[in-house]
Amino acid sequence: MTDQRAFTIVRRPGRAASAQDGVAELLAAYHLRTQAEKGEAVAGVGELPDRYRAEILDPGTAFADDVVLLALSGDTAVGCLVVTAPVEGRCEVKRLWVDPAFRGRGLAAGLVRAALAQAAESGVRAVRLSVWKWRTDAIALYERLGFTVTESWEERAQLVCMERAV
């Protein structure tokens, strides 16, 4: 039996991310949960909006220019986060998800810290993200890690936009 408290974070250039490394299952869980939280629950991946389904079916193409971080427990992917390619001195953190069975062990914080390190290595001046306003635990985590609420760049009213200098 694998010790569920021990984990490693690995980086995959977006092109190297594949459905076989576990990222697809994590993205599917993320998107299905998000749709349900928005009051738009669907029965399965095939009913998700095209852009989300594309990420799940072919993460290597969807995130080709980005970096995908995976939290592993042994050889099993139990968390993920995407760091977008830099644009105008910023990158964005997206798709933070930890398997519910592995929550409470610091994986989300570890993934965000790895994302900040990735951002620093890429030379950006800031990292930004958007989070649904009802995800108060995630907002609290981001605030603990130095993110602050900023002017929105999103058109969707339910999103909180946050940023942190690198």
N, C-alpha and C. Protein backbone atom coordinates (compact mmCIF):
# COMPACT_ATOMS: atom_id res chain seq x y z
N MET A 1 0.84 -1.18 0.00
CA MET A 1 0.00 0.00 0.00
C MET A 1 0.88 1.24 0.00
N THR A 2 0.51 2.22 -0.82
CA THR A 2 1.27 3.46 -0.93
C THR A 2 0.92 4.39 0.22
N ASP A 3 1.93 5.04 0.77
CA ASP A 3 1.70 6.04 1.81
C ASP A 3 1.08 7.27 1.15
N GLN A 4 -0.18 7.54 1.46
CA GLN A 4 -0.90 8.62 0.81
C GLN A 4 -0.44 9.99 1.26
N ARG A 5 0.40 10.06 2.27
CA ARG A 5 0.90 11.37 2.71
C ARG A 5 2.12 11.79 1.89
N ALA A 6 2.82 10.87 1.28
CA ALA A 6 4.00 11.20 0.49
C ALA A 6 3.59 11.45 -0.96
N PHE A 7 4.12 12.53 -1.52
CA PHE A 7 3.83 12.82 -2.91
C PHE A 7 4.99 13.56 -3.55
N THR A 8 5.04 13.51 -4.85
CA THR A 8 6.03 14.26 -5.62
C THR A 8 5.29 15.08 -6.66
N ILE A 9 5.90 16.16 -7.06
CA ILE A 9 5.33 16.99 -8.11
C ILE A 9 6.28 16.93 -9.30
N VAL A 10 5.72 16.60 -10.45
CA VAL A 10 6.51 16.51 -11.67
C VAL A 10 5.97 17.51 -12.68
N ARG A 11 6.88 17.99 -13.52
CA ARG A 11 6.53 18.93 -14.58
C ARG A 11 6.49 18.21 -15.91
N ARG A 12 5.47 18.51 -16.66
CA ARG A 12 5.40 17.99 -18.02
C ARG A 12 5.22 19.16 -18.95
N PRO A 13 6.12 19.29 -19.92
CA PRO A 13 5.80 20.28 -20.94
C PRO A 13 4.42 19.89 -21.49
N GLY A 14 3.60 20.87 -21.81
CA GLY A 14 2.24 20.57 -22.24
C GLY A 14 2.14 19.49 -23.29
N ARG A 15 3.05 19.50 -24.27
CA ARG A 15 3.00 18.50 -25.34
C ARG A 15 3.18 17.08 -24.79
N ALA A 16 3.83 16.97 -23.64
CA ALA A 16 4.11 15.65 -23.06
C ALA A 16 2.96 15.14 -22.19
N ALA A 17 2.02 16.02 -21.87
CA ALA A 17 0.87 15.59 -21.05
C ALA A 17 -0.02 14.69 -21.90
N SER A 18 -0.44 13.60 -21.32
CA SER A 18 -1.28 12.69 -22.09
C SER A 18 -2.36 12.08 -21.20
N ALA A 19 -3.35 11.54 -21.85
CA ALA A 19 -4.44 10.88 -21.12
C ALA A 19 -3.89 9.71 -20.31
N GLN A 20 -2.79 9.12 -20.73
CA GLN A 20 -2.24 7.94 -20.07
C GLN A 20 -1.54 8.27 -18.75
N ASP A 21 -1.13 9.51 -18.53
CA ASP A 21 -0.41 9.82 -17.28
C ASP A 21 -1.34 10.21 -16.14
N GLY A 22 -2.64 10.13 -16.35
CA GLY A 22 -3.60 10.42 -15.30
C GLY A 22 -4.17 11.82 -15.32
N VAL A 23 -3.58 12.70 -16.13
CA VAL A 23 -4.07 14.07 -16.16
C VAL A 23 -5.50 14.14 -16.70
N ALA A 24 -5.85 13.28 -17.63
CA ALA A 24 -7.21 13.31 -18.21
C ALA A 24 -8.27 13.03 -17.14
N GLU A 25 -8.02 12.05 -16.28
CA GLU A 25 -8.99 11.74 -15.22
C GLU A 25 -9.14 12.90 -14.25
N LEU A 26 -8.03 13.53 -13.92
CA LEU A 26 -8.08 14.68 -13.02
C LEU A 26 -8.83 15.84 -13.64
N LEU A 27 -8.56 16.12 -14.92
CA LEU A 27 -9.27 17.19 -15.62
C LEU A 27 -10.76 16.89 -15.74
N ALA A 28 -11.09 15.63 -16.00
CA ALA A 28 -12.50 15.25 -16.09
C ALA A 28 -13.19 15.51 -14.76
N ALA A 29 -12.58 15.10 -13.66
CA ALA A 29 -13.18 15.32 -12.34
C ALA A 29 -13.34 16.82 -12.07
N TYR A 30 -12.33 17.59 -12.42
CA TYR A 30 -12.38 19.05 -12.24
C TYR A 30 -13.55 19.65 -13.01
N HIS A 31 -13.64 19.35 -14.29
CA HIS A 31 -14.68 19.95 -15.12
C HIS A 31 -16.08 19.47 -14.76
N LEU A 32 -16.22 18.20 -14.44
CA LEU A 32 -17.54 17.69 -14.06
C LEU A 32 -18.00 18.34 -12.75
N ARG A 33 -17.10 18.48 -11.80
CA ARG A 33 -17.44 19.12 -10.53
C ARG A 33 -17.79 20.59 -10.73
N THR A 34 -17.01 21.27 -11.57
CA THR A 34 -17.26 22.68 -11.82
C THR A 34 -18.62 22.89 -12.49
N GLN A 35 -18.93 22.05 -13.46
CA GLN A 35 -20.25 22.17 -14.12
C GLN A 35 -21.37 21.98 -13.10
N ALA A 36 -21.23 21.02 -12.21
CA ALA A 36 -22.24 20.77 -11.19
C ALA A 36 -22.37 21.98 -10.25
N GLU A 37 -21.23 22.54 -9.85
CA GLU A 37 -21.24 23.69 -8.95
C GLU A 37 -21.88 24.91 -9.61
N LYS A 38 -21.76 25.02 -10.92
CA LYS A 38 -22.38 26.13 -11.65
C LYS A 38 -23.88 25.90 -11.88
N GLY A 39 -24.38 24.75 -11.44
CA GLY A 39 -25.78 24.42 -11.65
C GLY A 39 -26.06 23.90 -13.04
N GLU A 40 -25.01 23.41 -13.70
CA GLU A 40 -25.12 22.90 -15.07
C GLU A 40 -24.57 21.48 -15.15
N ALA A 41 -24.92 20.65 -14.19
CA ALA A 41 -24.38 19.29 -14.11
C ALA A 41 -24.66 18.51 -15.40
N VAL A 42 -23.69 17.70 -15.77
CA VAL A 42 -23.82 16.81 -16.93
C VAL A 42 -23.51 15.39 -16.48
N ALA A 43 -23.99 14.43 -17.24
CA ALA A 43 -23.84 13.02 -16.85
C ALA A 43 -22.43 12.49 -17.07
N GLY A 44 -21.68 13.07 -17.99
CA GLY A 44 -20.35 12.56 -18.27
C GLY A 44 -19.56 13.50 -19.15
N VAL A 45 -18.32 13.14 -19.41
CA VAL A 45 -17.40 13.96 -20.19
C VAL A 45 -17.98 14.32 -21.56
N GLY A 46 -18.66 13.38 -22.18
CA GLY A 46 -19.22 13.63 -23.52
C GLY A 46 -20.21 14.77 -23.58
N GLU A 47 -20.74 15.17 -22.44
CA GLU A 47 -21.72 16.27 -22.39
C GLU A 47 -21.11 17.60 -21.97
N LEU A 48 -19.83 17.62 -21.69
CA LEU A 48 -19.16 18.87 -21.32
C LEU A 48 -19.06 19.79 -22.55
N PRO A 49 -18.92 21.10 -22.34
CA PRO A 49 -18.66 22.00 -23.47
C PRO A 49 -17.40 21.55 -24.22
N ASP A 50 -17.39 21.80 -25.52
CA ASP A 50 -16.31 21.34 -26.40
C ASP A 50 -14.92 21.68 -25.88
N ARG A 51 -14.72 22.91 -25.40
CA ARG A 51 -13.36 23.31 -25.00
C ARG A 51 -12.86 22.50 -23.80
N TYR A 52 -13.76 22.14 -22.88
CA TYR A 52 -13.36 21.33 -21.73
C TYR A 52 -13.14 19.88 -22.13
N ARG A 53 -14.01 19.37 -22.97
CA ARG A 53 -13.87 18.00 -23.45
C ARG A 53 -12.54 17.84 -24.21
N ALA A 54 -12.16 18.85 -24.98
CA ALA A 54 -10.89 18.80 -25.72
C ALA A 54 -9.69 18.67 -24.79
N GLU A 55 -9.72 19.37 -23.65
CA GLU A 55 -8.63 19.25 -22.68
C GLU A 55 -8.50 17.83 -22.16
N ILE A 56 -9.63 17.21 -21.91
CA ILE A 56 -9.64 15.86 -21.34
C ILE A 56 -9.20 14.82 -22.37
N LEU A 57 -9.70 14.94 -23.59
CA LEU A 57 -9.41 13.96 -24.62
C LEU A 57 -7.99 14.05 -25.15
N ASP A 58 -7.43 15.26 -25.17
CA ASP A 58 -6.08 15.44 -25.71
C ASP A 58 -5.36 16.57 -24.98
N PRO A 59 -4.96 16.31 -23.73
CA PRO A 59 -4.30 17.37 -22.96
C PRO A 59 -3.00 17.86 -23.61
N GLY A 60 -2.31 17.00 -24.34
CA GLY A 60 -1.07 17.40 -24.99
C GLY A 60 -1.27 18.49 -26.02
N THR A 61 -2.39 18.45 -26.72
CA THR A 61 -2.71 19.50 -27.68
C THR A 61 -3.29 20.71 -26.98
N ALA A 62 -4.21 20.49 -26.05
CA ALA A 62 -4.87 21.60 -25.35
C ALA A 62 -3.87 22.47 -24.60
N PHE A 63 -2.83 21.86 -24.06
CA PHE A 63 -1.86 22.59 -23.26
C PHE A 63 -0.47 22.57 -23.89
N ALA A 64 -0.41 22.53 -25.20
CA ALA A 64 0.86 22.37 -25.93
C ALA A 64 1.91 23.40 -25.55
N ASP A 65 1.51 24.63 -25.31
CA ASP A 65 2.48 25.69 -25.00
C ASP A 65 2.65 25.92 -23.50
N ASP A 66 1.97 25.14 -22.69
CA ASP A 66 1.93 25.35 -21.25
C ASP A 66 2.75 24.29 -20.52
N VAL A 67 2.78 24.39 -19.20
CA VAL A 67 3.41 23.38 -18.36
C VAL A 67 2.32 22.78 -17.48
N VAL A 68 2.27 21.46 -17.46
CA VAL A 68 1.31 20.74 -16.62
C VAL A 68 2.08 20.18 -15.44
N LEU A 69 1.62 20.51 -14.24
CA LEU A 69 2.22 19.98 -13.03
C LEU A 69 1.32 18.87 -12.50
N LEU A 70 1.92 17.76 -12.16
CA LEU A 70 1.18 16.63 -11.60
C LEU A 70 1.71 16.29 -10.22
N ALA A 71 0.81 16.11 -9.28
CA ALA A 71 1.17 15.60 -7.96
C ALA A 71 0.97 14.09 -8.03
N LEU A 72 2.00 13.36 -7.69
CA LEU A 72 1.96 11.90 -7.76
C LEU A 72 2.07 11.29 -6.37
N SER A 73 1.27 10.27 -6.14
CA SER A 73 1.41 9.41 -4.99
C SER A 73 1.86 8.07 -5.57
N GLY A 74 3.13 7.77 -5.41
CA GLY A 74 3.69 6.63 -6.13
C GLY A 74 3.67 6.95 -7.61
N ASP A 75 3.04 6.09 -8.39
CA ASP A 75 2.91 6.33 -9.83
C ASP A 75 1.54 6.87 -10.22
N THR A 76 0.71 7.19 -9.24
CA THR A 76 -0.65 7.61 -9.51
C THR A 76 -0.79 9.12 -9.42
N ALA A 77 -1.33 9.73 -10.48
CA ALA A 77 -1.58 11.17 -10.48
C ALA A 77 -2.77 11.46 -9.58
N VAL A 78 -2.56 12.31 -8.58
CA VAL A 78 -3.61 12.64 -7.61
C VAL A 78 -3.92 14.13 -7.58
N GLY A 79 -3.20 14.92 -8.35
CA GLY A 79 -3.45 16.36 -8.42
C GLY A 79 -2.82 16.93 -9.67
N CYS A 80 -3.39 18.06 -10.12
CA CYS A 80 -2.83 18.70 -11.31
C CYS A 80 -3.01 20.21 -11.24
N LEU A 81 -2.25 20.89 -12.05
CA LEU A 81 -2.33 22.34 -12.20
C LEU A 81 -1.65 22.67 -13.51
N VAL A 82 -2.19 23.64 -14.24
CA VAL A 82 -1.61 24.08 -15.50
C VAL A 82 -1.06 25.49 -15.32
N VAL A 83 0.16 25.72 -15.80
CA VAL A 83 0.77 27.04 -15.83
C VAL A 83 0.85 27.43 -17.30
N THR A 84 0.12 28.48 -17.67
CA THR A 84 0.09 28.86 -19.08
C THR A 84 1.41 29.49 -19.50
N ALA A 85 1.64 29.47 -20.79
CA ALA A 85 2.82 30.13 -21.36
C ALA A 85 2.74 31.63 -21.05
N PRO A 86 3.89 32.26 -20.81
CA PRO A 86 3.89 33.69 -20.50
C PRO A 86 3.32 34.54 -21.64
N VAL A 87 2.54 35.55 -21.26
CA VAL A 87 2.01 36.54 -22.19
C VAL A 87 2.13 37.90 -21.51
N GLU A 88 2.82 38.81 -22.15
CA GLU A 88 2.98 40.17 -21.62
C GLU A 88 3.46 40.17 -20.17
N GLY A 89 4.45 39.33 -19.86
CA GLY A 89 5.05 39.32 -18.54
C GLY A 89 4.27 38.60 -17.46
N ARG A 90 3.20 37.90 -17.85
CA ARG A 90 2.39 37.16 -16.88
C ARG A 90 2.14 35.76 -17.39
N CYS A 91 1.89 34.87 -16.44
CA CYS A 91 1.36 33.56 -16.77
C CYS A 91 0.14 33.35 -15.88
N GLU A 92 -0.61 32.32 -16.20
CA GLU A 92 -1.84 32.07 -15.45
C GLU A 92 -1.84 30.65 -14.92
N VAL A 93 -2.35 30.50 -13.71
CA VAL A 93 -2.56 29.20 -13.09
C VAL A 93 -3.99 28.78 -13.39
N LYS A 94 -4.14 27.56 -13.89
CA LYS A 94 -5.47 27.05 -14.24
C LYS A 94 -5.59 25.59 -13.80
N ARG A 95 -6.83 25.15 -13.64
CA ARG A 95 -7.18 23.74 -13.46
C ARG A 95 -6.57 23.09 -12.23
N LEU A 96 -6.43 23.85 -11.14
CA LEU A 96 -5.95 23.25 -9.90
C LEU A 96 -6.99 22.25 -9.41
N TRP A 97 -6.56 21.00 -9.25
CA TRP A 97 -7.46 19.95 -8.79
C TRP A 97 -6.66 18.91 -8.02
N VAL A 98 -7.19 18.51 -6.87
CA VAL A 98 -6.61 17.41 -6.10
C VAL A 98 -7.73 16.41 -5.87
N ASP A 99 -7.44 15.15 -6.13
CA ASP A 99 -8.39 14.07 -5.87
C ASP A 99 -8.90 14.20 -4.44
N PRO A 100 -10.22 14.21 -4.24
CA PRO A 100 -10.76 14.39 -2.88
C PRO A 100 -10.17 13.43 -1.84
N ALA A 101 -9.80 12.22 -2.24
CA ALA A 101 -9.22 11.26 -1.29
C ALA A 101 -7.83 11.70 -0.80
N PHE A 102 -7.21 12.66 -1.46
CA PHE A 102 -5.86 13.10 -1.11
C PHE A 102 -5.81 14.53 -0.58
N ARG A 103 -6.96 15.13 -0.36
CA ARG A 103 -7.00 16.50 0.14
C ARG A 103 -6.60 16.55 1.61
N GLY A 104 -6.16 17.73 2.02
CA GLY A 104 -5.75 17.92 3.41
C GLY A 104 -4.32 17.52 3.68
N ARG A 105 -3.56 17.26 2.65
CA ARG A 105 -2.16 16.81 2.80
C ARG A 105 -1.16 17.82 2.23
N GLY A 106 -1.66 19.00 1.82
CA GLY A 106 -0.76 20.03 1.31
C GLY A 106 -0.47 19.94 -0.17
N LEU A 107 -1.16 19.07 -0.89
CA LEU A 107 -0.88 18.93 -2.32
C LEU A 107 -1.23 20.18 -3.10
N ALA A 108 -2.37 20.80 -2.83
CA ALA A 108 -2.76 22.01 -3.56
C ALA A 108 -1.72 23.11 -3.35
N ALA A 109 -1.31 23.32 -2.10
CA ALA A 109 -0.29 24.33 -1.82
C ALA A 109 1.02 23.98 -2.52
N GLY A 110 1.38 22.70 -2.51
CA GLY A 110 2.60 22.26 -3.19
C GLY A 110 2.54 22.51 -4.68
N LEU A 111 1.39 22.26 -5.29
CA LEU A 111 1.23 22.52 -6.72
C LEU A 111 1.33 24.01 -7.02
N VAL A 112 0.71 24.84 -6.20
CA VAL A 112 0.78 26.29 -6.43
C VAL A 112 2.21 26.79 -6.23
N ARG A 113 2.89 26.30 -5.21
CA ARG A 113 4.29 26.71 -5.02
C ARG A 113 5.16 26.28 -6.20
N ALA A 114 4.91 25.09 -6.73
CA ALA A 114 5.66 24.63 -7.91
C ALA A 114 5.33 25.51 -9.12
N ALA A 115 4.09 25.96 -9.22
CA ALA A 115 3.70 26.85 -10.31
C ALA A 115 4.42 28.19 -10.18
N LEU A 116 4.54 28.70 -8.96
CA LEU A 116 5.27 29.95 -8.74
C LEU A 116 6.74 29.81 -9.10
N ALA A 117 7.32 28.66 -8.77
CA ALA A 117 8.72 28.40 -9.14
C ALA A 117 8.87 28.34 -10.65
N GLN A 118 7.93 27.67 -11.31
CA GLN A 118 7.94 27.58 -12.77
C GLN A 118 7.84 28.99 -13.37
N ALA A 119 6.97 29.81 -12.82
CA ALA A 119 6.80 31.18 -13.31
C ALA A 119 8.09 31.98 -13.15
N ALA A 120 8.72 31.84 -12.00
CA ALA A 120 9.98 32.56 -11.76
C ALA A 120 11.04 32.14 -12.76
N GLU A 121 11.12 30.83 -13.05
CA GLU A 121 12.09 30.33 -14.01
C GLU A 121 11.82 30.86 -15.41
N SER A 122 10.55 31.11 -15.73
CA SER A 122 10.21 31.59 -17.08
C SER A 122 10.38 33.09 -17.20
N GLY A 123 10.68 33.77 -16.10
CA GLY A 123 10.98 35.20 -16.15
C GLY A 123 9.78 36.13 -16.13
N VAL A 124 8.62 35.64 -15.77
CA VAL A 124 7.45 36.52 -15.74
C VAL A 124 7.50 37.40 -14.49
N ARG A 125 6.76 38.48 -14.51
CA ARG A 125 6.72 39.38 -13.35
C ARG A 125 5.54 39.11 -12.44
N ALA A 126 4.52 38.38 -12.96
CA ALA A 126 3.32 38.13 -12.15
C ALA A 126 2.64 36.84 -12.59
N VAL A 127 1.91 36.25 -11.64
CA VAL A 127 1.08 35.08 -11.90
C VAL A 127 -0.35 35.49 -11.57
N ARG A 128 -1.26 35.13 -12.43
CA ARG A 128 -2.65 35.44 -12.16
C ARG A 128 -3.49 34.18 -12.22
N LEU A 129 -4.72 34.29 -11.72
CA LEU A 129 -5.64 33.17 -11.76
C LEU A 129 -7.05 33.70 -11.59
N SER A 130 -8.00 32.88 -11.96
CA SER A 130 -9.40 33.19 -11.67
C SER A 130 -9.99 31.97 -10.97
N VAL A 131 -10.87 32.23 -10.04
CA VAL A 131 -11.45 31.16 -9.23
C VAL A 131 -12.92 31.49 -8.99
N TRP A 132 -13.74 30.47 -9.02
CA TRP A 132 -15.16 30.67 -8.76
C TRP A 132 -15.35 31.17 -7.34
N LYS A 133 -16.22 32.16 -7.15
CA LYS A 133 -16.37 32.82 -5.85
C LYS A 133 -16.82 31.88 -4.74
N TRP A 134 -17.48 30.79 -5.08
CA TRP A 134 -17.94 29.85 -4.05
C TRP A 134 -16.83 28.90 -3.60
N ARG A 135 -15.71 28.92 -4.24
CA ARG A 135 -14.58 28.07 -3.83
C ARG A 135 -13.75 28.81 -2.77
N THR A 136 -14.37 29.00 -1.62
CA THR A 136 -13.75 29.81 -0.58
C THR A 136 -12.47 29.19 -0.03
N ASP A 137 -12.40 27.86 0.03
CA ASP A 137 -11.16 27.23 0.49
C ASP A 137 -10.01 27.53 -0.46
N ALA A 138 -10.28 27.48 -1.75
CA ALA A 138 -9.23 27.78 -2.74
C ALA A 138 -8.81 29.25 -2.63
N ILE A 139 -9.77 30.14 -2.49
CA ILE A 139 -9.45 31.57 -2.36
C ILE A 139 -8.58 31.78 -1.12
N ALA A 140 -8.92 31.15 -0.02
CA ALA A 140 -8.11 31.27 1.21
C ALA A 140 -6.69 30.74 0.99
N LEU A 141 -6.56 29.63 0.28
CA LEU A 141 -5.23 29.09 -0.03
C LEU A 141 -4.43 30.09 -0.85
N TYR A 142 -5.04 30.62 -1.90
CA TYR A 142 -4.33 31.59 -2.75
C TYR A 142 -3.91 32.81 -1.94
N GLU A 143 -4.77 33.29 -1.08
CA GLU A 143 -4.42 34.44 -0.24
C GLU A 143 -3.25 34.11 0.68
N ARG A 144 -3.24 32.91 1.27
CA ARG A 144 -2.12 32.51 2.13
C ARG A 144 -0.81 32.47 1.35
N LEU A 145 -0.91 32.20 0.06
CA LEU A 145 0.30 32.11 -0.78
C LEU A 145 0.63 33.43 -1.45
N GLY A 146 -0.02 34.51 -1.03
CA GLY A 146 0.36 35.85 -1.49
C GLY A 146 -0.44 36.44 -2.63
N PHE A 147 -1.47 35.76 -3.09
CA PHE A 147 -2.31 36.31 -4.15
C PHE A 147 -3.30 37.31 -3.55
N THR A 148 -3.60 38.35 -4.30
CA THR A 148 -4.60 39.33 -3.88
C THR A 148 -5.63 39.50 -5.00
N VAL A 149 -6.83 39.87 -4.59
CA VAL A 149 -7.90 40.11 -5.56
C VAL A 149 -7.52 41.34 -6.37
N THR A 150 -7.77 41.26 -7.68
CA THR A 150 -7.43 42.35 -8.59
C THR A 150 -8.60 42.61 -9.52
N GLU A 151 -8.47 43.63 -10.31
CA GLU A 151 -9.51 43.97 -11.28
C GLU A 151 -9.72 42.77 -12.22
N SER A 152 -10.97 42.49 -12.50
CA SER A 152 -11.30 41.31 -13.30
C SER A 152 -10.93 41.48 -14.77
N TRP A 153 -10.41 40.43 -15.36
CA TRP A 153 -10.19 40.36 -16.80
C TRP A 153 -11.19 39.38 -17.41
N GLU A 154 -12.04 38.82 -16.57
CA GLU A 154 -13.04 37.83 -16.98
C GLU A 154 -14.40 38.49 -17.15
N GLU A 155 -15.19 38.00 -18.09
CA GLU A 155 -16.55 38.51 -18.29
C GLU A 155 -17.56 37.77 -17.42
N ARG A 156 -17.20 36.62 -16.89
CA ARG A 156 -18.12 35.83 -16.08
C ARG A 156 -18.18 36.40 -14.66
N ALA A 157 -19.39 36.77 -14.24
CA ALA A 157 -19.59 37.49 -12.98
C ALA A 157 -19.19 36.68 -11.75
N GLN A 158 -19.23 35.39 -11.81
CA GLN A 158 -18.97 34.55 -10.64
C GLN A 158 -17.47 34.31 -10.36
N LEU A 159 -16.61 34.84 -11.22
CA LEU A 159 -15.17 34.59 -11.04
C LEU A 159 -14.49 35.71 -10.27
N VAL A 160 -13.62 35.32 -9.37
CA VAL A 160 -12.76 36.24 -8.64
C VAL A 160 -11.39 36.16 -9.32
N CYS A 161 -10.84 37.31 -9.69
CA CYS A 161 -9.52 37.34 -10.32
C CYS A 161 -8.49 37.75 -9.27
N MET A 162 -7.37 37.04 -9.29
CA MET A 162 -6.32 37.26 -8.30
C MET A 162 -4.97 37.31 -9.01
N GLU A 163 -4.00 37.96 -8.37
CA GLU A 163 -2.66 38.06 -8.96
C GLU A 163 -1.63 38.13 -7.85
N ARG A 164 -0.43 37.73 -8.20
CA ARG A 164 0.70 37.79 -7.27
C ARG A 164 1.97 38.09 -8.06
N ALA A 165 2.78 38.99 -7.53
CA ALA A 165 4.07 39.26 -8.14
C ALA A 165 4.97 38.05 -7.93
N VAL A 166 5.89 37.88 -8.87
CA VAL A 166 6.85 36.77 -8.77
C VAL A 166 8.16 37.32 -8.24
